[in-house]
């Protein structure tokens, strides 16, 4: 049985100031799993919903959390209050614009133009 210290209560603060949660997670939960939880609980009325884990960045205690780390590894002893709720900020990376996609997909062709006056 997991002790209370192995459980963390987290709420996710969105860019507009609204929250998702709080919800309790085991300390062994990966950051990627947290991001999947955020995507699954994303409010339907919000416009810029993330599509994949790569679209979401979680920030805790001023640090961007890496997908392969666990909550236990990311805990900051200065910011986490025992029995308190930890707030993580959610940043959604906007999808690239259609023009940017075309630029990325189409390689530049060298064209030579000569003007004789």
Protein backbone atom coordinates (compact mmCIF):
# COMPACT_ATOMS: atom_id res chain seq x y z
CA UNK A 1 0.00 0.00 0.00
CA UNK A 2 1.32 3.42 -0.97
CA UNK A 3 1.92 5.89 1.81
CA UNK A 4 0.57 9.42 1.72
CA UNK A 5 4.06 10.70 0.84
CA UNK A 6 4.03 8.55 -2.31
CA UNK A 7 0.90 10.38 -3.50
CA UNK A 8 0.96 13.93 -4.84
CA UNK A 9 -2.06 16.14 -5.32
CA UNK A 10 -1.60 18.25 -8.45
CA UNK A 11 -3.65 20.88 -10.21
CA UNK A 12 -2.81 22.14 -13.66
CA UNK A 13 -3.05 25.89 -14.29
CA UNK A 14 -3.88 26.82 -17.88
CA UNK A 15 -2.68 29.98 -19.61
CA UNK A 16 -6.04 31.75 -19.06
CA UNK A 17 -5.86 31.15 -15.28
CA UNK A 18 -8.39 28.31 -15.15
CA UNK A 19 -7.46 24.99 -13.53
CA UNK A 20 -7.71 21.29 -14.26
CA UNK A 21 -7.88 19.26 -11.07
CA UNK A 22 -6.69 18.85 -8.40
CA UNK A 23 -6.08 15.14 -8.87
CA UNK A 24 -3.92 12.69 -6.94
CA UNK A 25 -1.05 10.89 -8.70
CA UNK A 26 1.51 8.35 -7.42
CA UNK A 27 5.09 9.68 -7.18
CA UNK A 28 6.14 7.03 -9.74
CA UNK A 29 3.92 8.61 -12.43
CA UNK A 30 5.87 9.81 -15.46
CA UNK A 31 5.59 13.36 -16.76
CA UNK A 32 4.37 11.96 -20.10
CA UNK A 33 1.47 10.28 -18.25
CA UNK A 34 0.63 13.61 -16.58
CA UNK A 35 0.53 15.26 -19.99
CA UNK A 36 -1.81 12.53 -21.29
CA UNK A 37 -4.06 13.21 -18.29
CA UNK A 38 -4.08 16.95 -19.09
CA UNK A 39 -5.01 16.23 -22.74
CA UNK A 40 -7.81 13.87 -21.65
CA UNK A 41 -9.24 16.42 -19.17
CA UNK A 42 -8.79 19.48 -21.41
CA UNK A 43 -11.94 21.67 -21.28
CA UNK A 44 -13.96 21.27 -24.49
CA UNK A 45 -14.75 24.99 -24.70
CA UNK A 46 -11.06 25.97 -24.90
CA UNK A 47 -9.80 26.76 -28.39
CA UNK A 48 -6.15 25.75 -28.35
CA UNK A 49 -6.46 22.13 -27.24
CA UNK A 50 -3.25 20.09 -27.41
CA UNK A 51 -3.32 17.05 -29.70
CA UNK A 52 -0.27 15.13 -28.52
CA UNK A 53 2.07 14.95 -25.54
CA UNK A 54 4.65 16.86 -27.59
CA UNK A 55 2.26 19.86 -27.76
CA UNK A 56 2.22 20.21 -23.94
CA UNK A 57 4.90 21.61 -21.64
CA UNK A 58 4.50 21.29 -17.87
CA UNK A 59 6.31 23.79 -15.66
CA UNK A 60 6.82 23.21 -11.94
CA UNK A 61 8.90 25.44 -9.68
CA UNK A 62 10.14 27.33 -12.75
CA UNK A 63 11.46 24.23 -14.52
CA UNK A 64 10.14 22.56 -17.67
CA UNK A 65 9.55 18.91 -16.84
CA UNK A 66 10.98 16.20 -19.10
CA UNK A 67 8.69 13.40 -20.33
CA UNK A 68 10.94 10.55 -19.17
CA UNK A 69 11.16 11.69 -15.53
CA UNK A 70 8.79 10.76 -12.71
CA UNK A 71 6.96 13.05 -10.31
CA UNK A 72 9.22 11.87 -7.50
CA UNK A 73 12.30 12.95 -9.45
CA UNK A 74 10.77 16.34 -10.27
CA UNK A 75 9.71 17.26 -6.73
CA UNK A 76 11.21 20.42 -5.32
CA UNK A 77 11.67 20.25 -1.54
CA UNK A 78 11.32 24.03 -1.27
CA UNK A 79 8.01 24.30 -3.10
CA UNK A 80 6.11 21.18 -2.11
CA UNK A 81 4.17 21.40 1.14
CA UNK A 82 3.33 18.01 2.69
CA UNK A 83 -0.38 17.39 2.19
CA UNK A 84 -0.71 20.48 -0.02
CA UNK A 85 -1.65 20.84 -3.64
CA UNK A 86 1.16 21.34 -6.17
CA UNK A 87 0.33 23.68 -9.05
CA UNK A 88 1.90 22.93 -12.43
CA UNK A 89 1.59 25.42 -15.25
CA UNK A 90 0.52 24.12 -18.66
CA UNK A 91 1.84 25.67 -21.87
CA UNK A 92 0.48 24.49 -25.20
CA UNK A 93 2.72 24.82 -28.22
CA UNK A 94 0.60 26.14 -31.10
CA UNK A 95 0.45 24.03 -34.26
CA UNK A 96 2.60 25.31 -37.13
CA UNK A 97 0.84 27.47 -39.69
CA UNK A 98 0.13 26.09 -43.16
CA UNK A 99 2.68 28.46 -44.74
CA UNK A 100 5.37 27.20 -42.35
CA UNK A 101 4.51 23.60 -43.21
CA UNK A 102 4.92 24.33 -46.93
CA UNK A 103 8.26 26.01 -46.33
CA UNK A 104 9.48 23.04 -44.33
CA UNK A 105 8.27 20.47 -46.89
CA UNK A 106 9.40 22.24 -50.05
CA UNK A 107 13.17 22.55 -50.39
CA UNK A 108 14.41 25.85 -51.75
CA UNK A 109 15.37 25.86 -55.40
CA UNK A 110 18.18 28.08 -56.53
CA UNK A 111 17.02 30.33 -59.33
CA UNK A 112 19.26 32.61 -61.24
CA UNK A 113 17.84 35.81 -62.64
CA UNK A 114 19.82 38.09 -64.92
CA UNK A 115 18.78 41.59 -65.87
CA UNK A 116 20.47 43.41 -68.74
CA UNK A 117 19.96 47.15 -68.86
